[in-house]
Amino acid sequence: MSSGPVAESWCHTQIKVVKFSHMWTISNFSFCQQEVGEVIQSSTFSSEANNPLKWCLRVYPKGLDEESKDYLSLYLFLSILNYKVLFVKNFIQPERNIQTQEADHGCHF
């Protein structure tokens, strides 16, 4: 019975996971007059006090482009380049008692 190949060397890398939440309130959102492709942007924020990564949220109330014009488009935007990021989006619809979560495999900025 073979137990598979034996490694001559090995290593283990632990990735630091930072859990963080940021609340952005847009007053009078239902009165937005933006057209397709027009953005509303939050102020920048970071996950920790001394973290050099600065983030902001961007929402396109009428969609980013013609393909998404019937949907609200929401993006987490990283203002520093050359980082790979995993996005997890949580959508909560309390009136329908629905909570969904989606994860993108990652994007380079």
C-alpha atoms as a PDB file:
ATOM      1  CA  MET A   1       0.000   0.000   0.000  1.00  0.00           C
ATOM      2  CA  SER A   2       1.522   3.294  -1.138  1.00  0.00           C
ATOM      3  CA  SER A   3       0.898   6.466   0.827  1.00  0.00           C
ATOM      4  CA  GLY A   4       1.943   8.761  -2.035  1.00  0.00           C
ATOM      5  CA  PRO A   5       5.109  10.736  -2.642  1.00  0.00           C
ATOM      6  CA  VAL A   6       7.189  11.912   0.292  1.00  0.00           C
ATOM      7  CA  ALA A   7       8.311  15.535   0.179  1.00  0.00           C
ATOM      8  CA  GLU A   8      11.988  16.236   0.601  1.00  0.00           C
ATOM      9  CA  SER A   9      11.158  19.673   1.933  1.00  0.00           C
ATOM     10  CA  TRP A  10       8.049  21.627   2.686  1.00  0.00           C
ATOM     11  CA  CYS A  11       6.833  24.980   3.948  1.00  0.00           C
ATOM     12  CA  HIS A  12       3.677  26.554   5.260  1.00  0.00           C
ATOM     13  CA  THR A  13       2.529  30.106   4.640  1.00  0.00           C
ATOM     14  CA  GLN A  14      -0.048  31.732   6.881  1.00  0.00           C
ATOM     15  CA  ILE A  15      -2.023  34.549   5.274  1.00  0.00           C
ATOM     16  CA  LYS A  16      -3.229  37.287   7.590  1.00  0.00           C
ATOM     17  CA  VAL A  17      -6.979  37.732   7.314  1.00  0.00           C
ATOM     18  CA  VAL A  18      -8.305  41.118   8.354  1.00  0.00           C
ATOM     19  CA  LYS A  19     -12.000  41.268   9.135  1.00  0.00           C
ATOM     20  CA  PHE A  20     -13.313  44.788   8.920  1.00  0.00           C
ATOM     21  CA  SER A  21     -16.592  46.563   8.337  1.00  0.00           C
ATOM     22  CA  HIS A  22     -17.236  50.077   7.103  1.00  0.00           C
ATOM     23  CA  MET A  23     -20.625  51.759   7.025  1.00  0.00           C
ATOM     24  CA  TRP A  24     -21.395  54.314   4.323  1.00  0.00           C
ATOM     25  CA  THR A  25     -24.662  56.203   4.489  1.00  0.00           C
ATOM     26  CA  ILE A  26     -25.977  58.007   1.427  1.00  0.00           C
ATOM     27  CA  SER A  27     -28.690  60.406   2.539  1.00  0.00           C
ATOM     28  CA  ASN A  28     -31.697  60.743   0.224  1.00  0.00           C
ATOM     29  CA  PHE A  29     -30.429  57.938  -2.018  1.00  0.00           C
ATOM     30  CA  SER A  30     -33.861  57.448  -3.570  1.00  0.00           C
ATOM     31  CA  PHE A  31     -33.571  60.947  -5.065  1.00  0.00           C
ATOM     32  CA  CYS A  32     -30.304  60.229  -6.953  1.00  0.00           C
ATOM     33  CA  GLN A  33     -30.344  61.749 -10.425  1.00  0.00           C
ATOM     34  CA  GLN A  34     -27.209  59.991 -11.736  1.00  0.00           C
ATOM     35  CA  GLU A  35     -27.258  58.593 -15.256  1.00  0.00           C
ATOM     36  CA  VAL A  36     -25.719  55.300 -16.421  1.00  0.00           C
ATOM     37  CA  GLY A  37     -21.976  55.434 -15.669  1.00  0.00           C
ATOM     38  CA  GLU A  38     -22.189  58.306 -13.160  1.00  0.00           C
ATOM     39  CA  VAL A  39     -20.659  57.468  -9.795  1.00  0.00           C
ATOM     40  CA  ILE A  40     -21.134  58.392  -6.151  1.00  0.00           C
ATOM     41  CA  GLN A  41     -17.931  57.767  -4.177  1.00  0.00           C
ATOM     42  CA  SER A  42     -17.362  57.404  -0.436  1.00  0.00           C
ATOM     43  CA  SER A  43     -14.483  58.929   1.455  1.00  0.00           C
ATOM     44  CA  THR A  44     -11.369  56.751   1.742  1.00  0.00           C
ATOM     45  CA  PHE A  45     -10.865  54.396   4.660  1.00  0.00           C
ATOM     46  CA  SER A  46      -8.486  51.658   5.776  1.00  0.00           C
ATOM     47  CA  SER A  47      -8.918  48.483   7.783  1.00  0.00           C
ATOM     48  CA  GLU A  48      -6.390  49.404  10.473  1.00  0.00           C
ATOM     49  CA  ALA A  49      -5.029  52.701  11.801  1.00  0.00           C
ATOM     50  CA  ASN A  50      -1.542  52.368  10.272  1.00  0.00           C
ATOM     51  CA  ASN A  51      -2.505  50.371   7.183  1.00  0.00           C
ATOM     52  CA  PRO A  52      -1.182  52.055   4.022  1.00  0.00           C
ATOM     53  CA  LEU A  53      -3.954  50.551   1.882  1.00  0.00           C
ATOM     54  CA  LYS A  54      -6.706  53.064   1.282  1.00  0.00           C
ATOM     55  CA  TRP A  55     -10.110  51.966   0.063  1.00  0.00           C
ATOM     56  CA  CYS A  56     -13.301  53.661  -1.038  1.00  0.00           C
ATOM     57  CA  LEU A  57     -16.708  52.494  -2.181  1.00  0.00           C
ATOM     58  CA  ARG A  58     -18.138  53.473  -5.552  1.00  0.00           C
ATOM     59  CA  VAL A  59     -21.794  53.100  -6.401  1.00  0.00           C
ATOM     60  CA  TYR A  60     -23.354  53.597  -9.807  1.00  0.00           C
ATOM     61  CA  PRO A  61     -27.100  53.927  -9.053  1.00  0.00           C
ATOM     62  CA  LYS A  62     -28.093  53.350 -12.707  1.00  0.00           C
ATOM     63  CA  GLY A  63     -25.319  50.854 -13.470  1.00  0.00           C
ATOM     64  CA  LEU A  64     -21.733  51.215 -14.645  1.00  0.00           C
ATOM     65  CA  ASP A  65     -22.496  50.757 -18.356  1.00  0.00           C
ATOM     66  CA  GLU A  66     -25.272  49.827 -20.794  1.00  0.00           C
ATOM     67  CA  GLU A  67     -24.929  46.137 -19.932  1.00  0.00           C
ATOM     68  CA  SER A  68     -25.682  46.832 -16.248  1.00  0.00           C
ATOM     69  CA  LYS A  69     -28.082  49.771 -16.711  1.00  0.00           C
ATOM     70  CA  ASP A  70     -30.981  47.986 -14.991  1.00  0.00           C
ATOM     71  CA  TYR A  71     -28.928  47.256 -11.870  1.00  0.00           C
ATOM     72  CA  LEU A  72     -27.149  49.171  -9.144  1.00  0.00           C
ATOM     73  CA  SER A  73     -23.377  48.598  -9.422  1.00  0.00           C
ATOM     74  CA  LEU A  74     -21.307  48.702  -6.210  1.00  0.00           C
ATOM     75  CA  TYR A  75     -17.510  48.424  -6.151  1.00  0.00           C
ATOM     76  CA  LEU A  76     -14.841  48.275  -3.480  1.00  0.00           C
ATOM     77  CA  PHE A  77     -11.982  50.329  -4.943  1.00  0.00           C
ATOM     78  CA  LEU A  78      -8.346  50.021  -3.846  1.00  0.00           C
ATOM     79  CA  SER A  79      -6.397  53.222  -4.471  1.00  0.00           C
ATOM     80  CA  ILE A  80      -2.932  51.559  -4.433  1.00  0.00           C
ATOM     81  CA  LEU A  81      -1.876  49.441  -7.418  1.00  0.00           C
ATOM     82  CA  ASN A  82      -0.355  45.951  -7.734  1.00  0.00           C
ATOM     83  CA  TYR A  83      -2.266  44.148  -4.997  1.00  0.00           C
ATOM     84  CA  LYS A  84      -4.373  41.039  -5.401  1.00  0.00           C
ATOM     85  CA  VAL A  85      -7.640  41.174  -3.495  1.00  0.00           C
ATOM     86  CA  LEU A  86     -10.383  38.665  -2.747  1.00  0.00           C
ATOM     87  CA  PHE A  87     -13.824  40.259  -2.686  1.00  0.00           C
ATOM     88  CA  VAL A  88     -16.647  38.923  -0.582  1.00  0.00           C
ATOM     89  CA  LYS A  89     -19.982  40.647  -1.044  1.00  0.00           C
ATOM     90  CA  ASN A  90     -22.861  40.234   1.364  1.00  0.00           C
ATOM     91  CA  PHE A  91     -26.347  41.200   0.253  1.00  0.00           C
ATOM     92  CA  ILE A  92     -29.106  41.429   2.827  1.00  0.00           C
ATOM     93  CA  GLN A  93     -32.775  41.888   1.991  1.00  0.00           C
ATOM     94  CA  PRO A  94     -34.474  41.990   5.407  1.00  0.00           C
ATOM     95  CA  GLU A  95     -37.977  42.434   3.975  1.00  0.00           C
ATOM     96  CA  ARG A  96     -37.611  39.096   2.152  1.00  0.00           C
ATOM     97  CA  ASN A  97     -35.513  37.428   4.880  1.00  0.00           C
ATOM     98  CA  ILE A  98     -32.747  36.741   2.328  1.00  0.00           C
ATOM     99  CA  GLN A  99     -29.005  36.944   2.880  1.00  0.00           C
ATOM    100  CA  THR A 100     -26.571  35.937   0.155  1.00  0.00           C
ATOM    101  CA  GLN A 101     -22.799  35.958  -0.092  1.00  0.00           C
ATOM    102  CA  GLU A 102     -20.660  35.948  -3.231  1.00  0.00           C
ATOM    103  CA  ALA A 103     -16.885  35.691  -3.562  1.00  0.00           C
ATOM    104  CA  ASP A 104     -14.822  36.699  -6.561  1.00  0.00           C
ATOM    105  CA  HIS A 105     -11.596  34.754  -6.981  1.00  0.00           C
ATOM    106  CA  GLY A 106      -9.518  37.906  -6.978  1.00  0.00           C
ATOM    107  CA  CYS A 107      -8.528  40.844  -9.086  1.00  0.00           C
ATOM    108  CA  HIS A 108      -5.259  42.623  -9.684  1.00  0.00           C
ATOM    109  CA  PHE A 109      -5.190  46.382  -9.240  1.00  0.00           C
END
